[in-house]
Protein backbone atom coordinates (compact mmCIF):
# COMPACT_ATOMS: atom_id res chain seq x y z
CA MET A 1 -65.90 -70.84 -13.13
CA ASP A 2 -64.99 -73.39 -10.65
CA ALA A 3 -66.34 -72.41 -6.86
CA GLY A 4 -62.61 -73.13 -5.83
CA LEU A 5 -60.69 -71.01 -8.04
CA GLN A 6 -63.30 -68.24 -7.70
CA ARG A 7 -63.19 -68.35 -4.05
CA ARG A 8 -59.41 -68.02 -4.17
CA ALA A 9 -59.29 -65.32 -6.39
CA ALA A 10 -61.85 -63.55 -4.58
CA GLU A 11 -59.78 -63.55 -1.19
CA ARG A 12 -56.66 -62.82 -3.11
CA LEU A 13 -58.37 -59.75 -4.20
CA ALA A 14 -59.61 -59.01 -0.78
CA ARG A 15 -56.64 -58.78 0.14
CA PHE A 16 -54.77 -56.83 -2.54
CA PRO A 17 -55.81 -53.37 -1.35
CA GLY A 18 -53.88 -54.17 1.91
CA PHE A 19 -51.00 -55.54 -0.05
CA LEU A 20 -50.94 -52.32 -2.13
CA ARG A 21 -51.22 -50.34 1.50
CA VAL A 22 -47.83 -51.98 2.85
CA ASN A 23 -46.55 -50.75 -0.24
CA GLY A 24 -47.13 -47.27 0.38
CA PHE A 25 -50.48 -46.66 -1.69
CA GLY A 26 -52.85 -44.17 -0.04
CA THR A 27 -56.13 -47.13 -0.85
CA ALA A 28 -58.40 -47.11 1.95
CA GLY A 29 -60.05 -50.56 3.88
CA GLY A 30 -63.58 -50.24 1.75
CA ASP A 31 -61.10 -50.43 -1.26
CA ALA A 32 -61.27 -54.38 -1.01
CA VAL A 33 -65.12 -54.07 -1.36
CA GLN A 34 -64.89 -51.82 -4.45
CA ALA A 35 -61.95 -54.46 -5.94
CA LEU A 36 -64.36 -57.56 -5.50
CA ARG A 37 -66.91 -55.40 -7.22
CA ALA A 38 -64.39 -54.44 -9.96
CA ALA A 39 -63.85 -57.86 -10.45
CA GLU A 40 -67.35 -59.26 -10.18
CA ARG A 41 -68.21 -56.62 -13.85
CA THR A 42 -65.20 -56.94 -15.21
CA GLY A 43 -64.80 -60.84 -14.98
CA VAL A 44 -62.03 -62.00 -12.76
CA LEU A 45 -60.04 -64.20 -15.21
CA ASP A 46 -59.78 -61.18 -17.62
CA GLN A 47 -56.27 -60.15 -16.48
CA ASP A 48 -56.46 -57.35 -18.32
CA VAL A 49 -59.48 -55.54 -18.05
CA LEU A 50 -58.94 -56.58 -14.26
CA ARG A 51 -55.68 -54.49 -13.75
CA TRP A 52 -56.83 -51.33 -15.65
CA SER A 53 -59.76 -51.24 -13.49
CA LEU A 54 -58.37 -51.71 -10.21
CA LYS A 55 -55.61 -49.18 -11.35
CA ALA A 56 -58.11 -46.52 -11.83
CA LEU A 57 -60.15 -47.41 -8.50
CA LEU A 58 -56.66 -48.11 -6.87
CA CYS A 59 -54.20 -45.49 -7.79
CA ARG A 60 -54.55 -41.86 -5.90
CA ARG A 61 -51.65 -40.35 -7.10
CA GLY A 62 -49.16 -40.53 -10.02
CA ASP A 63 -46.71 -42.47 -8.14
CA GLU A 64 -48.95 -44.89 -7.36
CA TRP A 65 -49.95 -45.35 -11.05
CA GLN A 66 -46.78 -45.39 -12.15
CA ARG A 67 -45.82 -48.57 -9.61
CA PHE A 68 -49.00 -50.21 -10.00
CA ASP A 69 -48.63 -53.40 -12.66
CA GLU A 70 -45.14 -54.10 -10.26
CA LEU A 71 -47.15 -54.78 -7.28
CA PHE A 72 -50.22 -56.08 -9.50
CA ASP A 73 -47.86 -58.85 -11.17
CA ALA A 74 -46.70 -59.21 -8.10
């Protein structure tokens, strides 16, 4: 993967848990690190695998699970 693309993807992923918190999710501060690790293991460019990995990692309640896809797509 291009280094610039990889850096931009990592920056967006690092901000994603904060974006979820602003939208009422109960994610914790350390979740950004976990999100980046999940992306490394699953492959940042495999959107479906990344979506399901982050959903499992960052959703703590049923209502968060239901709203996650809309926020991930945003």
